[in-house]
Amino acid sequence: MANEMQKTTPFGMRDKVGYMFGDFANDFTFILSSSFLMKFYTDVMGVSAGVVGMIMMIARFVDAFTDVTMGQIVDRSKPTRDGKFRPWLKRMCGPVAIASFLIFQSGLAGMPYGFKVAWLAVTYILWGSIFYTSINIPYGSMASAVSPESKDRAELSTWRTIGSSLASLVIGVGTPMIAYVTVDGKTMLSGSRMTIIAGVFSVCAILCYLLCFKMVQERVQLTTTDRSISEVAEEMGILDVNYFAKIFKRTFGMTPTRYRRENRKK
């Protein structure tokens, strides 16, 4: 019974903090890449800045297609007992973290130049244009499914900004303190330390994505779908519609039918 009741818990602080962890997870890989990738590949890997910039530009063109494609995939996906958007956090947190880690492999610095360029192109596009897109778009869309109230969604946006700000502080300030070393009086970026940092941040990203998945609940299906209440209950893992109505009323103070009618009027 506890699991079923948790699925219909009213919107609250748990959702806000959980949603904050989602953007914290995003930025563990995004800020690391946007802030240190160019420096890493030019100073550590020996790839020219022009080549790195060209690969980044190509990735932006790829983004134009993958963003639209992923939006269509998410829009057409059928809700599960975990919701419509939340499952993507669990599915893609591993791939996006692994791809981010593979970008910063200082052990490949001695490989041929062409190999390093190809490695950057493949890992960077996999991370940013495919895996990051496939988790960030569902994450951003999830706010509309957490609560039917506009003020609740505004609060989620605020907490998302808090998560982004905290990540910027941790990554933007903490990483340079660890990643740079002094050699013969000169401050240099350490390739081996960057690899370790990327690995640690990848693990942290996975943990934060899973916290977001665990803490945030999608609860607006009754007001955003024409499916019957029994179908909605079944998608939430409750096969007995009478039992679903009972725990729903105990949680929200009204029957599912009344809840749907009153919220659709809004």
Protein backbone atom coordinates (compact mmCIF):
# COMPACT_ATOMS: atom_id res chain seq x y z
CA MET A 1 0.00 0.00 0.00
CA ALA A 2 2.84 2.39 0.75
CA ASN A 3 4.09 2.29 -2.83
CA GLU A 4 0.67 3.03 -4.28
CA MET A 5 0.07 5.89 -1.84
CA GLN A 6 3.47 7.35 -2.67
CA LYS A 7 2.44 7.55 -6.32
CA THR A 8 -0.41 9.89 -5.42
CA THR A 9 1.39 12.04 -2.83
CA PRO A 10 0.49 15.74 -3.19
CA PHE A 11 3.02 18.11 -4.69
CA GLY A 12 5.54 19.31 -2.13
CA MET A 13 9.14 19.91 -1.12
CA ARG A 14 10.16 16.38 -2.10
CA ASP A 15 9.33 17.15 -5.74
CA LYS A 16 11.15 20.49 -5.65
CA VAL A 17 14.36 19.09 -4.20
CA GLY A 18 14.19 16.08 -6.50
CA TYR A 19 13.77 18.32 -9.54
CA MET A 20 16.76 20.37 -8.37
CA PHE A 21 18.89 17.22 -8.38
CA GLY A 22 17.95 16.69 -12.03
CA ASP A 23 19.62 19.91 -13.18
CA PHE A 24 22.51 19.30 -10.80
CA ALA A 25 23.02 16.00 -12.65
CA ASN A 26 22.80 17.71 -16.05
CA ASP A 27 25.49 20.20 -15.15
CA PHE A 28 27.93 17.65 -13.79
CA THR A 29 28.60 16.75 -17.43
CA PHE A 30 27.44 19.90 -19.26
CA ILE A 31 29.49 22.48 -17.33
CA LEU A 32 32.52 20.19 -17.28
CA SER A 33 32.38 19.91 -21.07
CA SER A 34 31.60 23.54 -21.83
CA SER A 35 34.29 24.83 -19.45
CA PHE A 36 37.18 22.39 -19.85
CA LEU A 37 36.85 20.41 -23.10
CA MET A 38 38.67 22.94 -25.29
CA LYS A 39 41.49 23.35 -22.78
CA PHE A 40 41.81 19.59 -22.29
CA TYR A 41 42.01 18.73 -25.98
CA THR A 42 44.38 21.53 -26.92
CA ASP A 43 46.78 21.35 -23.94
CA VAL A 44 46.62 17.67 -22.99
CA MET A 45 45.58 15.83 -26.16
CA GLY A 46 47.43 18.10 -28.60
CA VAL A 47 44.48 18.74 -30.93
CA SER A 48 44.33 22.19 -32.50
CA ALA A 49 41.70 24.63 -31.26
CA GLY A 50 40.35 25.01 -34.79
CA VAL A 51 39.63 21.28 -35.09
CA VAL A 52 37.98 21.18 -31.66
CA GLY A 53 35.86 24.19 -32.59
CA MET A 54 34.86 22.59 -35.89
CA ILE A 55 33.71 19.41 -34.13
CA MET A 56 31.67 21.49 -31.69
CA MET A 57 30.04 23.33 -34.60
CA ILE A 58 29.21 20.05 -36.35
CA ALA A 59 27.64 18.81 -33.12
CA ARG A 60 25.35 21.87 -33.04
CA PHE A 61 24.08 20.97 -36.52
CA VAL A 62 23.44 17.41 -35.31
CA ASP A 63 21.59 18.87 -32.32
CA ALA A 64 19.11 20.55 -34.66
CA PHE A 65 17.92 17.10 -35.76
CA THR A 66 18.29 15.11 -32.55
CA ASP A 67 16.42 17.71 -30.46
CA VAL A 68 13.36 17.53 -32.73
CA THR A 69 13.57 13.75 -33.04
CA MET A 70 13.83 13.21 -29.29
CA GLY A 71 10.93 15.57 -28.67
CA GLN A 72 8.78 13.50 -31.02
CA ILE A 73 9.88 10.23 -29.42
CA VAL A 74 9.05 11.46 -25.93
CA ASP A 75 5.74 12.95 -27.05
CA ARG A 76 4.65 9.69 -28.65
CA SER A 77 5.85 7.43 -25.85
CA LYS A 78 3.17 5.78 -23.72
CA PRO A 79 3.07 6.45 -19.97
CA THR A 80 4.25 3.66 -17.71
CA ARG A 81 3.70 3.07 -14.00
CA ASP A 82 6.62 5.47 -13.43
CA GLY A 83 5.09 8.15 -15.65
CA LYS A 84 5.85 9.37 -19.15
CA PHE A 85 9.04 11.36 -18.60
CA ARG A 86 10.67 9.96 -15.45
CA PRO A 87 11.67 6.60 -17.02
CA TRP A 88 14.04 8.42 -19.39
CA LEU A 89 16.12 9.57 -16.41
CA LYS A 90 16.75 5.97 -15.40
CA ARG A 91 17.28 4.76 -18.98
CA MET A 92 19.77 7.41 -20.06
CA CYS A 93 21.68 8.41 -16.91
CA GLY A 94 24.25 5.66 -17.50
CA PRO A 95 24.94 6.36 -21.19
CA VAL A 96 25.25 10.14 -20.74
CA ALA A 97 27.63 9.73 -17.79
CA ILE A 98 29.79 7.12 -19.52
CA ALA A 99 30.03 9.19 -22.71
CA SER A 100 31.08 12.24 -20.70
CA PHE A 101 33.79 10.22 -18.95
CA LEU A 102 35.10 8.84 -22.26
CA ILE A 103 35.62 12.36 -23.63
CA PHE A 104 38.32 13.09 -21.03
CA GLN A 105 40.68 10.14 -21.53
CA SER A 106 44.19 11.48 -21.05
CA GLY A 107 45.62 8.01 -21.56
CA LEU A 108 44.97 8.39 -25.29
CA ALA A 109 47.20 11.47 -25.62
CA GLY A 110 49.94 9.38 -27.25
CA MET A 111 47.68 8.00 -29.98
CA PRO A 112 47.89 9.20 -33.61
CA TYR A 113 46.41 12.63 -34.31
CA GLY A 114 43.63 11.29 -36.54
CA PHE A 115 42.56 8.83 -33.87
CA LYS A 116 42.30 11.59 -31.25
CA VAL A 117 40.20 13.75 -33.57
CA ALA A 118 37.90 10.83 -34.34
CA TRP A 119 37.67 9.94 -30.63
CA LEU A 120 36.65 13.50 -29.76
CA ALA A 121 34.08 13.65 -32.56
CA VAL A 122 32.43 10.34 -31.68
CA THR A 123 32.38 10.73 -27.89
CA TYR A 124 31.37 14.41 -27.96
CA ILE A 125 28.47 13.86 -30.38
CA LEU A 126 27.36 10.74 -28.52
CA TRP A 127 27.39 12.63 -25.24
CA GLY A 128 25.88 15.97 -26.26
CA SER A 129 23.78 15.38 -29.36
CA ILE A 130 22.33 11.98 -28.47
CA PHE A 131 22.55 10.96 -24.81
CA TYR A 132 22.35 14.41 -23.18
CA THR A 133 19.48 15.36 -25.49
CA SER A 134 17.64 12.15 -24.68
CA ILE A 135 17.70 12.91 -20.95
CA ASN A 136 17.48 16.71 -20.88
CA ILE A 137 14.35 17.01 -23.05
CA PRO A 138 12.26 14.57 -20.94
CA TYR A 139 13.61 16.20 -17.79
CA GLY A 140 12.53 19.65 -18.94
CA SER A 141 9.13 18.37 -20.05
CA MET A 142 8.55 16.53 -16.78
CA ALA A 143 7.59 19.70 -14.91
CA SER A 144 4.28 19.87 -16.80
CA ALA A 145 3.42 16.38 -15.54
CA VAL A 146 4.36 16.92 -11.90
CA SER A 147 1.51 19.31 -11.10
CA PRO A 148 -1.43 20.88 -12.98
CA GLU A 149 -0.93 24.13 -11.05
CA SER A 150 1.07 26.88 -12.77
CA LYS A 151 2.47 28.14 -9.43
CA ASP A 152 3.83 24.67 -8.68
CA ARG A 153 5.56 24.51 -12.05
CA ALA A 154 7.01 27.97 -11.42
CA GLU A 155 8.45 26.70 -8.15
CA LEU A 156 9.99 23.74 -9.98
CA SER A 157 11.64 26.18 -12.37
CA THR A 158 13.05 28.10 -9.41
CA TRP A 159 14.47 24.97 -7.84
CA ARG A 160 15.93 23.94 -11.20
CA THR A 161 17.78 27.25 -11.24
CA ILE A 162 19.03 26.58 -7.71
CA GLY A 163 20.38 23.23 -8.86
CA SER A 164 22.14 24.86 -11.79
CA SER A 165 23.67 27.54 -9.58
CA LEU A 166 24.94 25.01 -7.04
CA ALA A 167 26.45 22.90 -9.82
CA SER A 168 28.17 25.95 -11.29
CA LEU A 169 29.64 26.72 -7.89
CA VAL A 170 30.87 23.19 -7.24
CA ILE A 171 32.20 22.50 -10.73
CA GLY A 172 33.31 25.97 -11.78
CA VAL A 173 35.15 26.71 -8.54
CA GLY A 174 36.19 23.27 -7.34
CA THR A 175 37.50 21.77 -10.59
CA PRO A 176 40.26 24.32 -11.29
CA MET A 177 41.54 23.94 -7.74
CA ILE A 178 42.14 20.23 -8.36
CA ALA A 179 42.76 19.98 -12.11
CA TYR A 180 45.63 22.50 -12.37
CA VAL A 181 49.14 21.72 -11.21
CA THR A 182 52.36 23.75 -11.12
CA VAL A 183 55.28 22.36 -13.13
CA ASP A 184 58.57 24.29 -13.28
CA GLY A 185 56.77 27.40 -12.10
CA LYS A 186 54.07 27.13 -14.76
CA THR A 187 50.42 26.33 -14.07
CA MET A 188 49.19 23.51 -16.31
CA LEU A 189 46.06 21.41 -16.70
CA SER A 190 46.70 17.87 -15.49
CA GLY A 191 45.32 15.30 -17.92
CA SER A 192 45.27 12.46 -15.41
CA ARG A 193 43.45 14.59 -12.84
CA MET A 194 40.88 15.66 -15.44
CA THR A 195 40.20 12.00 -16.22
CA ILE A 196 39.63 11.27 -12.53
CA ILE A 197 37.44 14.36 -12.13
CA ALA A 198 35.35 13.34 -15.15
CA GLY A 199 34.89 9.88 -13.64
CA VAL A 200 33.83 11.27 -10.25
CA PHE A 201 31.43 13.74 -11.84
CA SER A 202 29.93 10.97 -13.99
CA VAL A 203 29.17 8.91 -10.90
CA CYS A 204 27.72 11.98 -9.17
CA ALA A 205 25.54 12.68 -12.23
CA ILE A 206 24.09 9.16 -12.14
CA LEU A 207 23.34 9.44 -8.42
CA CYS A 208 21.62 12.82 -8.87
CA TYR A 209 19.54 11.57 -11.82
CA LEU A 210 18.39 8.60 -9.74
CA LEU A 211 17.52 10.90 -6.84
CA CYS A 212 15.44 12.99 -9.23
CA PHE A 213 13.73 9.85 -10.52
CA LYS A 214 13.03 8.63 -6.99
CA MET A 215 11.82 11.90 -5.46
CA VAL A 216 9.73 13.47 -8.24
CA GLN A 217 6.27 12.13 -9.05
CA GLU A 218 4.17 12.60 -12.18
CA ARG A 219 0.60 13.05 -11.02
CA VAL A 220 -1.46 14.94 -13.64
CA GLN A 221 -2.64 12.11 -15.86
CA LEU A 222 -6.21 12.44 -14.63
CA THR A 223 -6.42 15.98 -15.97
CA THR A 224 -4.36 15.65 -19.14
CA THR A 225 -5.67 12.43 -20.67
CA ASP A 226 -8.99 11.11 -21.91
CA ARG A 227 -8.20 7.58 -20.75
CA SER A 228 -10.55 6.10 -18.21
CA ILE A 229 -9.70 6.18 -14.52
CA SER A 230 -9.22 2.42 -14.54
CA GLU A 231 -6.63 2.75 -17.33
CA VAL A 232 -4.78 5.46 -15.42
CA ALA A 233 -4.83 3.30 -12.28
CA GLU A 234 -3.46 0.32 -14.20
CA GLU A 235 -0.61 2.41 -15.65
CA MET A 236 0.30 3.37 -12.08
CA GLY A 237 0.48 -0.31 -11.13
CA ILE A 238 -2.92 -0.56 -9.37
CA LEU A 239 -5.22 -3.13 -10.95
CA ASP A 240 -8.17 -2.63 -8.60
CA VAL A 241 -9.86 0.64 -9.60
CA ASN A 242 -11.89 0.72 -6.36
CA TYR A 243 -8.71 0.46 -4.31
CA PHE A 244 -7.16 3.21 -6.46
CA ALA A 245 -10.19 5.46 -5.80
CA LYS A 246 -9.97 4.71 -2.09
CA ILE A 247 -6.30 5.69 -1.64
CA PHE A 248 -6.75 8.62 -4.03
CA LYS A 249 -9.59 10.04 -1.93
CA ARG A 250 -7.62 9.44 1.26
CA THR A 251 -4.71 11.45 -0.18
CA PHE A 252 -6.49 14.26 -2.06
CA GLY A 253 -9.76 14.45 -0.15
CA MET A 254 -11.94 13.75 -3.20
CA THR A 255 -12.68 11.01 -5.69
CA PRO A 256 -10.67 10.72 -8.94
CA THR A 257 -13.77 11.68 -10.95
CA ARG A 258 -14.30 14.87 -8.96
CA TYR A 259 -10.59 15.71 -9.06
CA ARG A 260 -10.56 15.39 -12.85
CA ARG A 261 -13.71 17.50 -13.25
CA GLU A 262 -12.60 20.33 -10.96
CA ASN A 263 -9.05 20.56 -12.29
CA ARG A 264 -10.16 20.55 -15.92
CA LYS A 265 -12.37 23.54 -15.15
CA LYS A 266 -9.22 25.45 -14.19
